[in-house]
Amino acid sequence: MPRAAVDDFLAGLVWWGPDPEEDADHIDDGVFPSLDALWRSGPVIVRAPDTVADLVAAWQRTQPLLPQLRGPYREAHAALTVSGHPAPDFDSFVGLLAQWAEVLGEARRRDWGVIGLPM
């Protein structure tokens, strides 16, 4: 259950694969007038205000379950302790999620959408 909650939260924020045909799955309908005219050099994630509200609700379900994932995270991601990884340990991972939740919470408060661009 905790892993599914985290997956629900991240599903709206993370582009999972290298298939450009799937890019449109990460752009909510109605945000741009036409995807044909949308220039982008790589994957982009665009979430409308309704999706932002759903993601905030997903975070509210996820946050209390996170402590249950400390052990599984450590086991699955032991190799991430490499310097420079954005979440080399569980506390960094939770911090990263909390930062996203803060952005989403503010966007929700303002009834805004969010756009994620490649780094």
C-alpha atoms as a PDB file:
ATOM      1  CA  MET A   1       0.000   0.000   0.000  1.00  0.00           C
ATOM      2  CA  PRO A   2       2.697   2.621   0.801  1.00  0.00           C
ATOM      3  CA  ARG A   3       4.518   1.950  -2.465  1.00  0.00           C
ATOM      4  CA  ALA A   4       1.281   2.262  -4.443  1.00  0.00           C
ATOM      5  CA  ALA A   5       0.567   5.611  -2.766  1.00  0.00           C
ATOM      6  CA  VAL A   6       4.015   6.946  -3.721  1.00  0.00           C
ATOM      7  CA  ASP A   7       3.577   5.614  -7.256  1.00  0.00           C
ATOM      8  CA  ASP A   8       0.209   7.414  -7.540  1.00  0.00           C
ATOM      9  CA  PHE A   9       1.836  10.673  -6.461  1.00  0.00           C
ATOM     10  CA  LEU A  10       4.838  10.319  -8.764  1.00  0.00           C
ATOM     11  CA  ALA A  11       2.876   9.086 -11.774  1.00  0.00           C
ATOM     12  CA  GLY A  12       1.699  12.607 -12.486  1.00  0.00           C
ATOM     13  CA  LEU A  13       5.134  14.139 -12.067  1.00  0.00           C
ATOM     14  CA  VAL A  14       7.626  11.804 -13.696  1.00  0.00           C
ATOM     15  CA  TRP A  15       8.133  10.962 -17.353  1.00  0.00           C
ATOM     16  CA  TRP A  16       9.072   7.286 -17.270  1.00  0.00           C
ATOM     17  CA  GLY A  17      10.376   6.390 -20.677  1.00  0.00           C
ATOM     18  CA  PRO A  18      12.249   7.258 -23.811  1.00  0.00           C
ATOM     19  CA  ASP A  19       9.315   6.810 -26.198  1.00  0.00           C
ATOM     20  CA  PRO A  20       8.395  10.229 -27.649  1.00  0.00           C
ATOM     21  CA  GLU A  21       4.986   8.838 -28.630  1.00  0.00           C
ATOM     22  CA  GLU A  22       4.154   8.739 -24.936  1.00  0.00           C
ATOM     23  CA  ASP A  23       4.892  12.451 -24.411  1.00  0.00           C
ATOM     24  CA  ALA A  24       1.284  13.391 -25.088  1.00  0.00           C
ATOM     25  CA  ASP A  25       0.230  11.177 -22.168  1.00  0.00           C
ATOM     26  CA  HIS A  26       2.033  13.631 -19.900  1.00  0.00           C
ATOM     27  CA  ILE A  27       0.290  16.740 -21.211  1.00  0.00           C
ATOM     28  CA  ASP A  28      -3.190  17.316 -19.827  1.00  0.00           C
ATOM     29  CA  ASP A  29      -5.882  18.152 -22.359  1.00  0.00           C
ATOM     30  CA  GLY A  30      -6.875  21.770 -22.713  1.00  0.00           C
ATOM     31  CA  VAL A  31      -3.674  23.326 -21.395  1.00  0.00           C
ATOM     32  CA  PHE A  32      -2.332  24.096 -24.883  1.00  0.00           C
ATOM     33  CA  PRO A  33      -4.591  24.851 -27.842  1.00  0.00           C
ATOM     34  CA  SER A  34      -2.804  22.274 -30.001  1.00  0.00           C
ATOM     35  CA  LEU A  35      -0.057  19.741 -29.396  1.00  0.00           C
ATOM     36  CA  ASP A  36       0.930  20.073 -33.061  1.00  0.00           C
ATOM     37  CA  ALA A  37       2.229  23.590 -32.478  1.00  0.00           C
ATOM     38  CA  LEU A  38       3.947  22.767 -29.188  1.00  0.00           C
ATOM     39  CA  TRP A  39       7.691  22.816 -29.720  1.00  0.00           C
ATOM     40  CA  ARG A  40       9.795  20.965 -27.199  1.00  0.00           C
ATOM     41  CA  SER A  41      13.235  19.486 -27.347  1.00  0.00           C
ATOM     42  CA  GLY A  42      12.428  16.611 -25.051  1.00  0.00           C
ATOM     43  CA  PRO A  43       9.833  15.291 -22.643  1.00  0.00           C
ATOM     44  CA  VAL A  44       7.593  17.764 -20.948  1.00  0.00           C
ATOM     45  CA  ILE A  45       5.020  17.227 -18.220  1.00  0.00           C
ATOM     46  CA  VAL A  46       2.044  19.564 -18.154  1.00  0.00           C
ATOM     47  CA  ARG A  47      -0.594  19.237 -15.474  1.00  0.00           C
ATOM     48  CA  ALA A  48      -3.816  21.255 -15.427  1.00  0.00           C
ATOM     49  CA  PRO A  49      -5.259  22.639 -12.171  1.00  0.00           C
ATOM     50  CA  ASP A  50      -7.612  19.641 -11.792  1.00  0.00           C
ATOM     51  CA  THR A  51      -4.692  17.222 -12.013  1.00  0.00           C
ATOM     52  CA  VAL A  52      -2.734  19.354  -9.545  1.00  0.00           C
ATOM     53  CA  ALA A  53      -5.633  18.994  -7.103  1.00  0.00           C
ATOM     54  CA  ASP A  54      -5.558  15.225  -7.606  1.00  0.00           C
ATOM     55  CA  LEU A  55      -1.802  15.163  -6.994  1.00  0.00           C
ATOM     56  CA  VAL A  56      -2.189  17.181  -3.788  1.00  0.00           C
ATOM     57  CA  ALA A  57      -4.779  14.640  -2.607  1.00  0.00           C
ATOM     58  CA  ALA A  58      -2.387  11.825  -3.549  1.00  0.00           C
ATOM     59  CA  TRP A  59       0.345  13.486  -1.465  1.00  0.00           C
ATOM     60  CA  GLN A  60      -1.989  13.758   1.511  1.00  0.00           C
ATOM     61  CA  ARG A  61      -2.567   9.993   1.282  1.00  0.00           C
ATOM     62  CA  THR A  62       1.124   9.300   0.701  1.00  0.00           C
ATOM     63  CA  GLN A  63       2.847  11.412   3.335  1.00  0.00           C
ATOM     64  CA  PRO A  64       1.722   9.460   6.426  1.00  0.00           C
ATOM     65  CA  LEU A  65       2.774   6.160   4.797  1.00  0.00           C
ATOM     66  CA  LEU A  66       6.334   7.207   3.936  1.00  0.00           C
ATOM     67  CA  PRO A  67       8.011   5.956   7.150  1.00  0.00           C
ATOM     68  CA  GLN A  68       6.983   2.411   6.157  1.00  0.00           C
ATOM     69  CA  LEU A  69       9.174   2.703   3.056  1.00  0.00           C
ATOM     70  CA  ARG A  70      12.491   3.531   4.779  1.00  0.00           C
ATOM     71  CA  GLY A  71      13.727  -0.089   4.854  1.00  0.00           C
ATOM     72  CA  PRO A  72      12.550  -1.055   1.366  1.00  0.00           C
ATOM     73  CA  TYR A  73      14.035   2.150  -0.071  1.00  0.00           C
ATOM     74  CA  ARG A  74      17.403   1.475   1.556  1.00  0.00           C
ATOM     75  CA  GLU A  75      17.433  -2.093   0.207  1.00  0.00           C
ATOM     76  CA  ALA A  76      16.335  -1.177  -3.310  1.00  0.00           C
ATOM     77  CA  HIS A  77      18.505   1.895  -3.689  1.00  0.00           C
ATOM     78  CA  ALA A  78      21.708   1.076  -1.821  1.00  0.00           C
ATOM     79  CA  ALA A  79      23.732   1.993  -4.918  1.00  0.00           C
ATOM     80  CA  LEU A  80      22.317   5.532  -4.985  1.00  0.00           C
ATOM     81  CA  THR A  81      24.692   6.758  -2.319  1.00  0.00           C
ATOM     82  CA  VAL A  82      26.786   8.013  -5.213  1.00  0.00           C
ATOM     83  CA  SER A  83      27.487  11.708  -4.869  1.00  0.00           C
ATOM     84  CA  GLY A  84      25.316  13.925  -7.032  1.00  0.00           C
ATOM     85  CA  HIS A  85      22.186  11.761  -7.125  1.00  0.00           C
ATOM     86  CA  PRO A  86      19.130  13.892  -6.240  1.00  0.00           C
ATOM     87  CA  ALA A  87      17.944  11.335  -3.666  1.00  0.00           C
ATOM     88  CA  PRO A  88      20.919   9.268  -2.493  1.00  0.00           C
ATOM     89  CA  ASP A  89      19.161   8.228   0.711  1.00  0.00           C
ATOM     90  CA  PHE A  90      15.637   7.916   2.048  1.00  0.00           C
ATOM     91  CA  ASP A  91      15.616  11.266   3.839  1.00  0.00           C
ATOM     92  CA  SER A  92      16.721  13.018   0.647  1.00  0.00           C
ATOM     93  CA  PHE A  93      14.005  11.171  -1.270  1.00  0.00           C
ATOM     94  CA  VAL A  94      11.331  12.264   1.204  1.00  0.00           C
ATOM     95  CA  GLY A  95      12.708  15.818   1.078  1.00  0.00           C
ATOM     96  CA  LEU A  96      12.450  15.818  -2.704  1.00  0.00           C
ATOM     97  CA  LEU A  97       8.861  14.575  -2.534  1.00  0.00           C
ATOM     98  CA  ALA A  98       8.027  17.223   0.077  1.00  0.00           C
ATOM     99  CA  GLN A  99       9.431  19.946  -2.166  1.00  0.00           C
ATOM    100  CA  TRP A 100       7.230  18.749  -5.024  1.00  0.00           C
ATOM    101  CA  ALA A 101       4.271  18.649  -2.641  1.00  0.00           C
ATOM    102  CA  GLU A 102       5.004  22.238  -1.620  1.00  0.00           C
ATOM    103  CA  VAL A 103       5.027  23.370  -5.254  1.00  0.00           C
ATOM    104  CA  LEU A 104       1.820  21.488  -5.946  1.00  0.00           C
ATOM    105  CA  GLY A 105       0.171  22.841  -2.798  1.00  0.00           C
ATOM    106  CA  GLU A 106       0.939  26.418  -3.810  1.00  0.00           C
ATOM    107  CA  ALA A 107      -0.243  25.777  -7.368  1.00  0.00           C
ATOM    108  CA  ARG A 108      -3.452  24.271  -5.950  1.00  0.00           C
ATOM    109  CA  ARG A 109      -3.976  27.265  -3.683  1.00  0.00           C
ATOM    110  CA  ARG A 110      -3.708  29.575  -6.710  1.00  0.00           C
ATOM    111  CA  ASP A 111      -5.675  27.235  -9.020  1.00  0.00           C
ATOM    112  CA  TRP A 112      -2.654  26.938 -11.316  1.00  0.00           C
ATOM    113  CA  GLY A 113      -1.281  24.065 -13.325  1.00  0.00           C
ATOM    114  CA  VAL A 114       2.365  22.989 -13.360  1.00  0.00           C
ATOM    115  CA  ILE A 115       4.867  22.361 -16.120  1.00  0.00           C
ATOM    116  CA  GLY A 116       7.933  20.157 -15.730  1.00  0.00           C
ATOM    117  CA  LEU A 117      10.772  20.462 -18.207  1.00  0.00           C
ATOM    118  CA  PRO A 118      13.771  18.167 -18.716  1.00  0.00           C
ATOM    119  CA  MET A 119      16.898  18.931 -16.742  1.00  0.00           C
END
